Amino acid sequence: MKQMAELLRSGATMLSYSCPECASPLFRRKTGEIWCAKCDRRVVIVPEGEEASVQAGTRLETLERALVDKLVSMGGRLSQETDPENLKAVAEVLDTLLASLERLRKIRKV
């Protein structure tokens, strides 16, 4: 209830829709995003039939975040590595991750 009150105080609008996970009322923030106060996360409302494309988009976003996280992690390893063989291995992994990220972003544009 406290989070719902905070959303309302911040200018959010309570909607007639409920969260698919917890059945709590949904709110539209000033930014336009739809939010569940109980789950404390963004919710996407889609017309029937478009659900599959939205789920695919969400999965691609998750995959993109994972690739970026791995790139950051491997970048840290690269800066600390001194052995030439290990440097080469890390560089190859980085190259593969970057290529994957580039392909993923091309897919998302389509």
Protein backbone atom coordinates (compact mmCIF):
# COMPACT_ATOMS: atom_id res chain seq x y z
CA MET A 1 0.00 0.00 0.00
CA LYS A 2 2.85 2.38 0.83
CA GLN A 3 4.38 2.01 -2.64
CA MET A 4 0.97 2.59 -4.24
CA ALA A 5 0.54 5.78 -2.23
CA GLU A 6 4.03 6.94 -3.26
CA LEU A 7 3.21 6.35 -6.93
CA LEU A 8 0.00 8.37 -6.62
CA ARG A 9 1.82 11.20 -4.79
CA SER A 10 4.43 11.31 -7.54
CA GLY A 11 1.71 11.88 -10.14
CA ALA A 12 1.13 8.33 -11.37
CA THR A 13 -2.36 7.32 -12.48
CA MET A 14 -4.03 4.14 -11.25
CA LEU A 15 -5.26 2.07 -14.19
CA SER A 16 -8.17 -0.34 -14.53
CA TYR A 17 -5.71 -3.11 -15.41
CA SER A 18 -4.17 -5.49 -12.89
CA CYS A 19 -0.75 -7.11 -12.77
CA PRO A 20 -0.65 -10.52 -14.47
CA GLU A 21 1.62 -11.82 -11.70
CA CYS A 22 0.06 -10.56 -8.47
CA ALA A 23 -3.32 -9.07 -9.56
CA SER A 24 -2.43 -5.74 -7.91
CA PRO A 25 -3.63 -2.54 -9.66
CA LEU A 26 -1.26 -1.11 -12.25
CA PHE A 27 -0.12 2.52 -12.44
CA ARG A 28 0.97 4.72 -15.35
CA ARG A 29 3.93 6.86 -14.32
CA LYS A 30 4.52 10.35 -15.68
CA THR A 31 7.12 8.81 -17.99
CA GLY A 32 4.38 6.73 -19.61
CA GLU A 33 5.62 3.38 -18.38
CA ILE A 34 3.17 1.06 -16.66
CA TRP A 35 4.27 -0.08 -13.21
CA CYS A 36 3.21 -2.68 -10.64
CA ALA A 37 3.78 -1.29 -7.14
CA LYS A 38 3.60 -4.69 -5.45
CA CYS A 39 6.06 -6.46 -7.79
CA ASP A 40 8.08 -3.22 -8.13
CA ARG A 41 8.61 -3.68 -11.85
CA ARG A 42 7.52 -2.46 -15.27
CA VAL A 43 4.57 -4.18 -16.93
CA VAL A 44 3.82 -4.22 -20.65
CA ILE A 45 0.19 -4.28 -21.75
CA VAL A 46 -0.27 -5.63 -25.25
CA PRO A 47 -3.31 -6.37 -27.37
CA GLU A 48 -4.13 -10.04 -27.80
CA GLY A 49 -2.16 -11.57 -30.64
CA GLU A 50 0.86 -9.31 -30.17
CA GLU A 51 2.02 -11.07 -27.01
CA ALA A 52 4.53 -13.32 -28.78
CA SER A 53 6.37 -10.40 -30.39
CA VAL A 54 6.54 -8.52 -27.07
CA GLN A 55 7.88 -11.61 -25.28
CA ALA A 56 10.51 -12.03 -27.99
CA GLY A 57 11.51 -8.37 -27.61
CA THR A 58 11.79 -8.75 -23.86
CA ARG A 59 13.97 -11.83 -24.25
CA LEU A 60 16.20 -9.98 -26.71
CA GLU A 61 16.58 -7.12 -24.21
CA THR A 62 17.55 -9.62 -21.52
CA LEU A 63 20.08 -11.24 -23.84
CA GLU A 64 21.52 -7.86 -24.78
CA ARG A 65 22.00 -6.94 -21.10
CA ALA A 66 23.71 -10.28 -20.48
CA LEU A 67 26.08 -9.74 -23.42
CA VAL A 68 26.95 -6.23 -22.23
CA ASP A 69 27.56 -7.51 -18.69
CA LYS A 70 29.91 -10.19 -20.04
CA LEU A 71 31.71 -7.60 -22.18
CA VAL A 72 32.31 -5.44 -19.12
CA SER A 73 33.50 -8.44 -17.13
CA MET A 74 35.86 -9.63 -19.85
CA GLY A 75 37.12 -6.07 -20.38
CA GLY A 76 38.17 -6.03 -16.74
CA ARG A 77 39.97 -9.33 -17.17
CA LEU A 78 41.71 -8.04 -20.29
CA SER A 79 43.13 -5.01 -18.46
CA GLN A 80 44.48 -7.21 -15.64
CA GLU A 81 45.91 -10.00 -17.80
CA THR A 82 49.66 -10.09 -18.52
CA ASP A 83 50.18 -13.54 -20.04
CA PRO A 84 50.13 -13.30 -23.88
CA GLU A 85 48.26 -16.60 -24.28
CA ASN A 86 45.57 -15.56 -21.83
CA LEU A 87 45.38 -12.11 -23.46
CA LYS A 88 44.73 -13.77 -26.80
CA ALA A 89 42.01 -16.00 -25.33
CA VAL A 90 40.25 -13.08 -23.63
CA ALA A 91 40.49 -10.98 -26.80
CA GLU A 92 38.89 -13.80 -28.80
CA VAL A 93 36.03 -14.04 -26.31
CA LEU A 94 35.56 -10.27 -26.48
CA ASP A 95 35.49 -10.42 -30.28
CA THR A 96 32.83 -13.15 -30.20
CA LEU A 97 30.74 -11.24 -27.66
CA LEU A 98 30.94 -8.03 -29.71
CA ALA A 99 29.93 -9.86 -32.89
CA SER A 100 27.00 -11.44 -31.07
CA LEU A 101 25.91 -8.08 -29.69
CA GLU A 102 26.11 -6.52 -33.15
CA ARG A 103 23.98 -9.31 -34.69
CA LEU A 104 21.46 -9.05 -31.86
CA ARG A 105 21.08 -5.29 -32.36
CA LYS A 106 20.54 -5.81 -36.09
CA ILE A 107 17.80 -8.34 -35.32
CA ARG A 108 16.11 -5.91 -32.92
CA LYS A 109 16.01 -3.19 -35.60
CA VAL A 110 14.06 -5.42 -37.99
